[in-house]
Amino acid sequence: RKKIENPQKNRFSTIPEKTDLIENSVELLENIDREKTKVAIYSNGDERLHLVLKSLKIEKYFDFILTSAETGLEKPRPEAFLRLLKIANISDPSQGNFSKF
């Protein structure tokens, strides 16, 4: 597991001191066919998520990173997922594949 060494600060708060990646998660992200697949995160968290992903050096693997604090729409409200599909320019919701981690 990879840990954040130097937490950064922003106007909202600090990122958690201990944030770990699941084993083999980077390899999984690297092997996604980016020509055929858009990869996104929609979290009920806040803006610190961007700092966490950046500190773990994995933000580059995501096309879209949204939080409920930014959109005002919390999961599991369907409107949250519809907003993400709209931002991703996916008009047919059946083309989305949502996973919960």
Protein backbone atom coordinates (compact mmCIF):
# COMPACT_ATOMS: atom_id res chain seq x y z
CA ARG A 1 0.00 0.00 0.00
CA LYS A 2 1.19 3.47 -0.84
CA LYS A 3 0.92 6.14 1.83
CA ILE A 4 0.87 9.91 1.54
CA GLU A 5 4.08 11.32 2.97
CA ASN A 6 3.50 15.06 3.09
CA PRO A 7 -0.13 16.11 3.46
CA GLN A 8 -0.95 19.32 1.62
CA LYS A 9 -3.20 22.08 2.86
CA ASN A 10 -5.83 23.98 0.95
CA ARG A 11 -8.57 26.40 1.87
CA PHE A 12 -10.86 23.60 3.01
CA SER A 13 -8.73 21.47 5.29
CA THR A 14 -5.86 19.03 5.23
CA ILE A 15 -5.99 15.67 3.58
CA PRO A 16 -5.97 12.60 5.81
CA GLU A 17 -2.52 11.71 7.11
CA LYS A 18 -2.95 8.05 6.20
CA THR A 19 -4.46 7.19 2.84
CA ASP A 20 -3.71 3.84 1.29
CA LEU A 21 -4.29 2.40 -2.15
CA ILE A 22 -5.76 -1.06 -2.54
CA GLU A 23 -3.11 -3.51 -3.72
CA ASN A 24 -2.77 -3.58 -7.53
CA SER A 25 -5.08 -0.58 -7.99
CA VAL A 26 -2.53 1.36 -10.06
CA GLU A 27 -2.02 -1.64 -12.33
CA LEU A 28 -5.78 -1.92 -12.76
CA LEU A 29 -6.07 1.77 -13.66
CA GLU A 30 -3.16 1.51 -16.09
CA ASN A 31 -4.78 -1.41 -17.91
CA ILE A 32 -8.15 0.22 -18.59
CA ASP A 33 -8.63 0.78 -22.32
CA ARG A 34 -8.92 4.58 -22.24
CA GLU A 35 -9.92 4.67 -25.92
CA LYS A 36 -13.16 2.85 -25.08
CA THR A 37 -13.74 3.78 -21.44
CA LYS A 38 -14.22 7.00 -19.49
CA VAL A 39 -13.21 6.68 -15.86
CA ALA A 40 -14.75 8.84 -13.17
CA ILE A 41 -15.10 9.18 -9.43
CA TYR A 42 -18.23 10.53 -7.77
CA SER A 43 -17.76 10.75 -4.04
CA ASN A 44 -19.92 11.94 -1.17
CA GLY A 45 -16.75 13.52 0.14
CA ASP A 46 -15.52 17.06 -0.29
CA GLU A 47 -12.88 18.89 -2.30
CA ARG A 48 -10.05 17.20 -0.38
CA LEU A 49 -10.58 14.18 -2.64
CA HIS A 50 -8.69 16.01 -5.40
CA LEU A 51 -5.68 16.45 -3.09
CA VAL A 52 -5.77 12.82 -2.00
CA LEU A 53 -5.78 11.57 -5.59
CA LYS A 54 -3.02 13.98 -6.53
CA SER A 55 -0.89 12.95 -3.55
CA LEU A 56 -1.32 9.31 -4.49
CA LYS A 57 -0.37 10.19 -8.07
CA ILE A 58 -3.49 8.61 -9.53
CA GLU A 59 -5.59 11.63 -10.57
CA LYS A 60 -4.27 11.27 -14.12
CA TYR A 61 -6.21 8.02 -14.51
CA PHE A 62 -9.61 9.72 -14.11
CA ASP A 63 -11.45 11.73 -16.74
CA PHE A 64 -13.82 13.23 -14.18
CA ILE A 65 -13.59 13.67 -10.42
CA LEU A 66 -16.70 15.03 -8.71
CA THR A 67 -17.83 15.31 -5.12
CA SER A 68 -21.25 15.86 -3.66
CA ALA A 69 -19.86 18.97 -1.94
CA GLU A 70 -19.11 20.42 -5.38
CA THR A 71 -22.37 19.43 -7.06
CA GLY A 72 -24.82 19.56 -4.16
CA LEU A 73 -26.05 16.09 -5.11
CA GLU A 74 -25.31 13.21 -2.76
CA LYS A 75 -25.21 9.56 -3.73
CA PRO A 76 -27.29 7.45 -4.06
CA ARG A 77 -29.63 10.08 -5.50
CA PRO A 78 -30.16 9.26 -9.19
CA GLU A 79 -29.65 12.94 -10.04
CA ALA A 80 -26.03 12.65 -8.90
CA PHE A 81 -25.31 9.91 -11.40
CA LEU A 82 -27.28 11.65 -14.15
CA ARG A 83 -25.16 14.78 -13.55
CA LEU A 84 -22.00 12.74 -13.94
CA LEU A 85 -23.26 11.21 -17.18
CA LYS A 86 -24.09 14.67 -18.50
CA ILE A 87 -20.63 15.98 -17.65
CA ALA A 88 -19.09 12.89 -19.28
CA ASN A 89 -21.23 13.56 -22.38
CA ILE A 90 -22.93 10.17 -22.13
CA SER A 91 -26.52 10.55 -23.30
CA ASP A 92 -27.64 6.96 -22.75
CA PRO A 93 -27.57 6.00 -19.03
CA SER A 94 -27.37 2.32 -19.99
CA GLN A 95 -23.85 3.06 -21.24
CA GLY A 96 -22.72 3.88 -17.69
CA ASN A 97 -21.27 1.26 -15.38
CA PHE A 98 -21.30 2.29 -11.75
CA SER A 99 -19.28 0.47 -9.11
CA LYS A 100 -19.30 1.05 -5.37
CA PHE A 101 -16.04 0.84 -3.45
